[in-house]
């Protein structure tokens, strides 16, 4: 049975989960656990600079619960416009961000609002310079902190997490056509900051 389910297409597997087949749900967890865990792990690191194992597990269980509850209502909402793995990644990021916001309101992680939290680059993502016209931006400490919260998050989502404009639009509540302007403005700021930092270094 496990081998047969392993060969199922993504949409067929989702349909079987929605139909209440326990073995299909087990295969769903096995197939997509890594995608969900990576998304949650990177989001926690981006927001906190670390990945508390207890919080990682809490968020992952929350993701599974939300997918399974009410007859897999969220799985029913999948419309096939992107791969299932990417859709789940977007959902996991949103739930992780909501979790951090909720915990900060309770006084954890230093308290305060999420917008005031520095955004950290996930480990192993490489230099931001490689993604943004090969400018050596990621080597300048605190550079991203000079952007406003929306610009900073858009840069992280697009270059570090590899989200599409449509996914970013859903997460940030910003029209797709506006995201291009935000990213262009953010890149220009980063290049100016990198140039200024280079001039200051050469002038010392």
C-alpha atoms as a PDB file:
ATOM      1  CA  UNK A   1       0.000   0.000   0.000  1.00  0.00           C
ATOM      2  CA  UNK A   2       2.785   2.430   0.908  1.00  0.00           C
ATOM      3  CA  UNK A   3       4.542   1.816  -2.398  1.00  0.00           C
ATOM      4  CA  UNK A   4       1.313   2.397  -4.305  1.00  0.00           C
ATOM      5  CA  UNK A   5       0.687   5.686  -2.516  1.00  0.00           C
ATOM      6  CA  UNK A   6       4.292   6.727  -3.113  1.00  0.00           C
ATOM      7  CA  UNK A   7       3.620   6.613  -6.839  1.00  0.00           C
ATOM      8  CA  UNK A   8       0.492   8.778  -6.687  1.00  0.00           C
ATOM      9  CA  UNK A   9       0.460  12.218  -8.269  1.00  0.00           C
ATOM     10  CA  UNK A  10       0.237  15.174  -5.892  1.00  0.00           C
ATOM     11  CA  UNK A  11      -3.366  16.079  -6.702  1.00  0.00           C
ATOM     12  CA  UNK A  12      -4.510  12.458  -6.424  1.00  0.00           C
ATOM     13  CA  UNK A  13      -2.832  12.205  -3.036  1.00  0.00           C
ATOM     14  CA  UNK A  14      -4.579  15.386  -1.893  1.00  0.00           C
ATOM     15  CA  UNK A  15      -7.899  14.007  -3.087  1.00  0.00           C
ATOM     16  CA  UNK A  16      -7.380  10.835  -1.064  1.00  0.00           C
ATOM     17  CA  UNK A  17      -6.492  12.893   2.013  1.00  0.00           C
ATOM     18  CA  UNK A  18      -9.647  14.929   1.562  1.00  0.00           C
ATOM     19  CA  UNK A  19     -11.545  11.664   1.202  1.00  0.00           C
ATOM     20  CA  UNK A  20     -10.388  10.661   4.676  1.00  0.00           C
ATOM     21  CA  UNK A  21      -7.925   7.882   3.823  1.00  0.00           C
ATOM     22  CA  UNK A  22      -5.573   7.559   6.801  1.00  0.00           C
ATOM     23  CA  UNK A  23      -2.802   5.964   4.747  1.00  0.00           C
ATOM     24  CA  UNK A  24      -2.949   8.875   2.303  1.00  0.00           C
ATOM     25  CA  UNK A  25      -2.503  11.374   5.142  1.00  0.00           C
ATOM     26  CA  UNK A  26       0.535   9.410   6.371  1.00  0.00           C
ATOM     27  CA  UNK A  27       2.011   9.558   2.867  1.00  0.00           C
ATOM     28  CA  UNK A  28       1.226  13.277   2.691  1.00  0.00           C
ATOM     29  CA  UNK A  29       3.206  13.892   5.906  1.00  0.00           C
ATOM     30  CA  UNK A  30       6.095  11.766   4.662  1.00  0.00           C
ATOM     31  CA  UNK A  31       6.198  13.451   1.253  1.00  0.00           C
ATOM     32  CA  UNK A  32       5.979  17.072   2.363  1.00  0.00           C
ATOM     33  CA  UNK A  33       7.454  17.099   5.867  1.00  0.00           C
ATOM     34  CA  UNK A  34      10.820  18.375   4.646  1.00  0.00           C
ATOM     35  CA  UNK A  35       9.231  21.230   2.656  1.00  0.00           C
ATOM     36  CA  UNK A  36       7.174  22.328   5.641  1.00  0.00           C
ATOM     37  CA  UNK A  37      10.017  21.958   8.135  1.00  0.00           C
ATOM     38  CA  UNK A  38      12.454  23.927   5.968  1.00  0.00           C
ATOM     39  CA  UNK A  39       9.951  26.761   5.515  1.00  0.00           C
ATOM     40  CA  UNK A  40       9.221  26.967   9.244  1.00  0.00           C
ATOM     41  CA  UNK A  41      12.887  26.650  10.184  1.00  0.00           C
ATOM     42  CA  UNK A  42      13.967  29.435   7.817  1.00  0.00           C
ATOM     43  CA  UNK A  43      11.133  31.707   8.949  1.00  0.00           C
ATOM     44  CA  UNK A  44      11.978  31.278  12.630  1.00  0.00           C
ATOM     45  CA  UNK A  45      15.631  31.936  11.901  1.00  0.00           C
ATOM     46  CA  UNK A  46      14.761  34.984   9.814  1.00  0.00           C
ATOM     47  CA  UNK A  47      12.662  36.446  12.623  1.00  0.00           C
ATOM     48  CA  UNK A  48      14.624  35.297  15.683  1.00  0.00           C
ATOM     49  CA  UNK A  49      18.148  34.581  14.521  1.00  0.00           C
ATOM     50  CA  UNK A  50      17.765  31.074  15.947  1.00  0.00           C
ATOM     51  CA  UNK A  51      15.465  28.059  15.690  1.00  0.00           C
ATOM     52  CA  UNK A  52      14.151  26.878  19.089  1.00  0.00           C
ATOM     53  CA  UNK A  53      13.348  23.179  18.640  1.00  0.00           C
ATOM     54  CA  UNK A  54      10.204  23.408  20.784  1.00  0.00           C
ATOM     55  CA  UNK A  55       8.821  26.265  18.685  1.00  0.00           C
ATOM     56  CA  UNK A  56       9.775  24.525  15.452  1.00  0.00           C
ATOM     57  CA  UNK A  57       7.763  21.470  16.469  1.00  0.00           C
ATOM     58  CA  UNK A  58       4.834  23.586  17.698  1.00  0.00           C
ATOM     59  CA  UNK A  59       4.564  25.444  14.396  1.00  0.00           C
ATOM     60  CA  UNK A  60       4.843  22.271  12.324  1.00  0.00           C
ATOM     61  CA  UNK A  61       2.105  20.599  14.337  1.00  0.00           C
ATOM     62  CA  UNK A  62      -0.015  23.713  13.885  1.00  0.00           C
ATOM     63  CA  UNK A  63       0.496  23.523  10.120  1.00  0.00           C
ATOM     64  CA  UNK A  64      -0.599  19.871  10.049  1.00  0.00           C
ATOM     65  CA  UNK A  65      -3.592  20.581  12.279  1.00  0.00           C
ATOM     66  CA  UNK A  66      -4.772  23.436  10.077  1.00  0.00           C
ATOM     67  CA  UNK A  67      -4.426  21.297   6.972  1.00  0.00           C
ATOM     68  CA  UNK A  68      -6.356  18.406   8.525  1.00  0.00           C
ATOM     69  CA  UNK A  69      -9.098  20.245  10.402  1.00  0.00           C
ATOM     70  CA  UNK A  70     -12.651  20.682   9.086  1.00  0.00           C
ATOM     71  CA  UNK A  71     -12.361  17.836   6.616  1.00  0.00           C
ATOM     72  CA  UNK A  72      -9.073  19.094   5.157  1.00  0.00           C
ATOM     73  CA  UNK A  73     -10.676  22.399   4.226  1.00  0.00           C
ATOM     74  CA  UNK A  74      -7.352  24.020   3.410  1.00  0.00           C
ATOM     75  CA  UNK A  75      -6.365  21.172   1.126  1.00  0.00           C
ATOM     76  CA  UNK A  76      -9.672  21.689  -0.682  1.00  0.00           C
ATOM     77  CA  UNK A  77      -8.649  25.297  -1.331  1.00  0.00           C
ATOM     78  CA  UNK A  78      -5.588  24.248  -3.345  1.00  0.00           C
ATOM     79  CA  UNK A  79      -6.250  25.354  -6.922  1.00  0.00           C
ATOM     80  CA  UNK A  80      -3.259  23.868  -8.726  1.00  0.00           C
ATOM     81  CA  UNK A  81      -1.815  27.200  -9.865  1.00  0.00           C
ATOM     82  CA  UNK A  82       1.572  26.264  -8.369  1.00  0.00           C
ATOM     83  CA  UNK A  83       3.238  23.043  -7.191  1.00  0.00           C
ATOM     84  CA  UNK A  84       1.840  21.620  -3.961  1.00  0.00           C
ATOM     85  CA  UNK A  85       5.250  21.909  -2.275  1.00  0.00           C
ATOM     86  CA  UNK A  86       5.415  25.653  -2.958  1.00  0.00           C
ATOM     87  CA  UNK A  87       1.829  26.161  -1.828  1.00  0.00           C
ATOM     88  CA  UNK A  88       2.592  24.373   1.439  1.00  0.00           C
ATOM     89  CA  UNK A  89       5.755  26.420   1.891  1.00  0.00           C
ATOM     90  CA  UNK A  90       3.755  29.640   1.591  1.00  0.00           C
ATOM     91  CA  UNK A  91       1.194  28.397   4.100  1.00  0.00           C
ATOM     92  CA  UNK A  92       3.917  27.281   6.529  1.00  0.00           C
ATOM     93  CA  UNK A  93       5.660  30.663   6.332  1.00  0.00           C
ATOM     94  CA  UNK A  94       2.402  32.489   7.050  1.00  0.00           C
ATOM     95  CA  UNK A  95       1.610  30.284  10.044  1.00  0.00           C
ATOM     96  CA  UNK A  96       5.166  30.639  11.372  1.00  0.00           C
ATOM     97  CA  UNK A  97       4.992  34.439  11.088  1.00  0.00           C
ATOM     98  CA  UNK A  98       1.652  34.444  12.896  1.00  0.00           C
ATOM     99  CA  UNK A  99       3.144  32.232  15.608  1.00  0.00           C
ATOM    100  CA  UNK A 100       6.099  34.567  16.192  1.00  0.00           C
ATOM    101  CA  UNK A 101       3.757  37.573  16.290  1.00  0.00           C
ATOM    102  CA  UNK A 102       1.506  35.849  18.830  1.00  0.00           C
ATOM    103  CA  UNK A 103       4.417  34.780  21.027  1.00  0.00           C
ATOM    104  CA  UNK A 104       5.924  38.275  20.948  1.00  0.00           C
ATOM    105  CA  UNK A 105       2.616  39.693  22.143  1.00  0.00           C
ATOM    106  CA  UNK A 106       2.857  37.271  25.077  1.00  0.00           C
ATOM    107  CA  UNK A 107       6.259  38.737  25.923  1.00  0.00           C
ATOM    108  CA  UNK A 108       8.439  36.018  24.402  1.00  0.00           C
ATOM    109  CA  UNK A 109      11.296  36.680  21.971  1.00  0.00           C
ATOM    110  CA  UNK A 110      11.835  40.124  23.462  1.00  0.00           C
ATOM    111  CA  UNK A 111       8.224  41.262  23.083  1.00  0.00           C
ATOM    112  CA  UNK A 112       7.239  44.123  20.793  1.00  0.00           C
ATOM    113  CA  UNK A 113       5.866  43.998  17.273  1.00  0.00           C
ATOM    114  CA  UNK A 114       7.083  41.750  14.486  1.00  0.00           C
ATOM    115  CA  UNK A 115       7.782  44.785  12.286  1.00  0.00           C
ATOM    116  CA  UNK A 116      10.432  45.863  14.755  1.00  0.00           C
ATOM    117  CA  UNK A 117      12.248  42.546  14.651  1.00  0.00           C
ATOM    118  CA  UNK A 118      15.495  42.428  12.635  1.00  0.00           C
ATOM    119  CA  UNK A 119      15.248  40.050   9.683  1.00  0.00           C
ATOM    120  CA  UNK A 120      18.052  37.488   9.645  1.00  0.00           C
ATOM    121  CA  UNK A 121      19.212  35.599   6.567  1.00  0.00           C
ATOM    122  CA  UNK A 122      18.592  31.850   6.802  1.00  0.00           C
ATOM    123  CA  UNK A 123      21.817  29.832   7.144  1.00  0.00           C
ATOM    124  CA  UNK A 124      23.230  28.272   4.015  1.00  0.00           C
ATOM    125  CA  UNK A 125      21.532  30.641   1.582  1.00  0.00           C
ATOM    126  CA  UNK A 126      24.753  32.182   0.294  1.00  0.00           C
ATOM    127  CA  UNK A 127      25.559  35.834  -0.231  1.00  0.00           C
ATOM    128  CA  UNK A 128      22.790  38.250  -1.071  1.00  0.00           C
ATOM    129  CA  UNK A 129      25.351  39.701  -3.472  1.00  0.00           C
ATOM    130  CA  UNK A 130      24.980  36.698  -5.788  1.00  0.00           C
ATOM    131  CA  UNK A 131      21.240  37.305  -6.096  1.00  0.00           C
ATOM    132  CA  UNK A 132      21.300  41.095  -6.431  1.00  0.00           C
ATOM    133  CA  UNK A 133      23.468  41.896  -9.443  1.00  0.00           C
ATOM    134  CA  UNK A 134      26.520  40.394  -7.732  1.00  0.00           C
ATOM    135  CA  UNK A 135      26.865  43.382  -5.400  1.00  0.00           C
ATOM    136  CA  UNK A 136      28.676  42.313  -2.224  1.00  0.00           C
ATOM    137  CA  UNK A 137      25.798  43.395  -0.048  1.00  0.00           C
ATOM    138  CA  UNK A 138      25.527  40.561   2.427  1.00  0.00           C
ATOM    139  CA  UNK A 139      29.053  41.207   3.679  1.00  0.00           C
ATOM    140  CA  UNK A 140      28.077  44.572   5.107  1.00  0.00           C
ATOM    141  CA  UNK A 141      26.759  44.074   8.653  1.00  0.00           C
ATOM    142  CA  UNK A 142      23.300  45.452   9.343  1.00  0.00           C
ATOM    143  CA  UNK A 143      22.666  46.565   5.741  1.00  0.00           C
ATOM    144  CA  UNK A 144      19.173  45.090   5.526  1.00  0.00           C
ATOM    145  CA  UNK A 145      18.203  46.812   8.771  1.00  0.00           C
ATOM    146  CA  UNK A 146      18.277  50.143   6.907  1.00  0.00           C
ATOM    147  CA  UNK A 147      15.271  49.086   4.817  1.00  0.00           C
ATOM    148  CA  UNK A 148      11.739  49.502   6.089  1.00  0.00           C
ATOM    149  CA  UNK A 149       9.915  46.369   7.243  1.00  0.00           C
ATOM    150  CA  UNK A 150       8.054  45.700   3.968  1.00  0.00           C
ATOM    151  CA  UNK A 151      11.152  46.205   1.789  1.00  0.00           C
ATOM    152  CA  UNK A 152      13.256  44.040   4.079  1.00  0.00           C
ATOM    153  CA  UNK A 153      10.713  41.226   4.125  1.00  0.00           C
ATOM    154  CA  UNK A 154      10.189  41.379   0.356  1.00  0.00           C
ATOM    155  CA  UNK A 155      13.944  41.052  -0.228  1.00  0.00           C
ATOM    156  CA  UNK A 156      14.115  38.077   2.133  1.00  0.00           C
ATOM    157  CA  UNK A 157      11.090  36.340   0.613  1.00  0.00           C
ATOM    158  CA  UNK A 158      12.200  36.855  -2.986  1.00  0.00           C
ATOM    159  CA  UNK A 159      15.957  36.232  -2.804  1.00  0.00           C
ATOM    160  CA  UNK A 160      16.421  33.971   0.198  1.00  0.00           C
ATOM    161  CA  UNK A 161      13.163  31.994   0.243  1.00  0.00           C
ATOM    162  CA  UNK A 162      12.561  31.934  -3.518  1.00  0.00           C
ATOM    163  CA  UNK A 163       8.881  32.895  -3.308  1.00  0.00           C
ATOM    164  CA  UNK A 164       7.016  34.060  -6.394  1.00  0.00           C
ATOM    165  CA  UNK A 165       5.354  37.467  -6.675  1.00  0.00           C
ATOM    166  CA  UNK A 166       1.964  35.796  -6.265  1.00  0.00           C
ATOM    167  CA  UNK A 167       3.034  34.036  -3.069  1.00  0.00           C
ATOM    168  CA  UNK A 168       4.542  37.238  -1.698  1.00  0.00           C
ATOM    169  CA  UNK A 169       1.368  39.107  -2.542  1.00  0.00           C
ATOM    170  CA  UNK A 170      -0.646  36.621  -0.508  1.00  0.00           C
ATOM    171  CA  UNK A 171       1.729  36.750   2.448  1.00  0.00           C
ATOM    172  CA  UNK A 172       2.234  40.504   2.562  1.00  0.00           C
ATOM    173  CA  UNK A 173      -1.218  41.625   1.434  1.00  0.00           C
ATOM    174  CA  UNK A 174       0.316  43.727  -1.339  1.00  0.00           C
ATOM    175  CA  UNK A 175      -0.878  43.727  -4.984  1.00  0.00           C
ATOM    176  CA  UNK A 176       1.416  41.791  -7.317  1.00  0.00           C
ATOM    177  CA  UNK A 177       2.007  44.837  -9.503  1.00  0.00           C
ATOM    178  CA  UNK A 178       3.248  46.798  -6.495  1.00  0.00           C
ATOM    179  CA  UNK A 179       5.857  44.219  -5.460  1.00  0.00           C
ATOM    180  CA  UNK A 180       8.106  44.983  -8.428  1.00  0.00           C
ATOM    181  CA  UNK A 181       8.319  48.626  -7.388  1.00  0.00           C
ATOM    182  CA  UNK A 182       9.041  47.664  -3.790  1.00  0.00           C
ATOM    183  CA  UNK A 183      11.855  45.300  -4.797  1.00  0.00           C
ATOM    184  CA  UNK A 184      13.321  47.837  -7.235  1.00  0.00           C
ATOM    185  CA  UNK A 185      13.307  50.529  -4.550  1.00  0.00           C
ATOM    186  CA  UNK A 186      14.836  48.165  -1.988  1.00  0.00           C
ATOM    187  CA  UNK A 187      17.604  47.089  -4.370  1.00  0.00           C
ATOM    188  CA  UNK A 188      18.423  50.709  -5.146  1.00  0.00           C
ATOM    189  CA  UNK A 189      18.685  51.498  -1.439  1.00  0.00           C
ATOM    190  CA  UNK A 190      20.930  48.509  -0.858  1.00  0.00           C
ATOM    191  CA  UNK A 191      23.238  49.470  -3.727  1.00  0.00           C
ATOM    192  CA  UNK A 192      23.484  53.049  -2.426  1.00  0.00           C
ATOM    193  CA  UNK A 193      24.201  51.815   1.085  1.00  0.00           C
ATOM    194  CA  UNK A 194      26.819  49.386  -0.217  1.00  0.00           C
ATOM    195  CA  UNK A 195      28.466  52.173  -2.207  1.00  0.00           C
ATOM    196  CA  UNK A 196      28.483  54.523   0.775  1.00  0.00           C
ATOM    197  CA  UNK A 197      29.918  51.816   3.005  1.00  0.00           C
ATOM    198  CA  UNK A 198      32.622  51.108   0.454  1.00  0.00           C
ATOM    199  CA  UNK A 199      33.525  54.772   0.183  1.00  0.00           C
ATOM    200  CA  UNK A 200      33.706  55.100   3.952  1.00  0.00           C
ATOM    201  CA  UNK A 201      35.943  52.058   4.183  1.00  0.00           C
ATOM    202  CA  UNK A 202      38.287  53.303   1.469  1.00  0.00           C
ATOM    203  CA  UNK A 203      38.455  56.750   3.090  1.00  0.00           C
ATOM    204  CA  UNK A 204      39.643  55.443   6.446  1.00  0.00           C
END
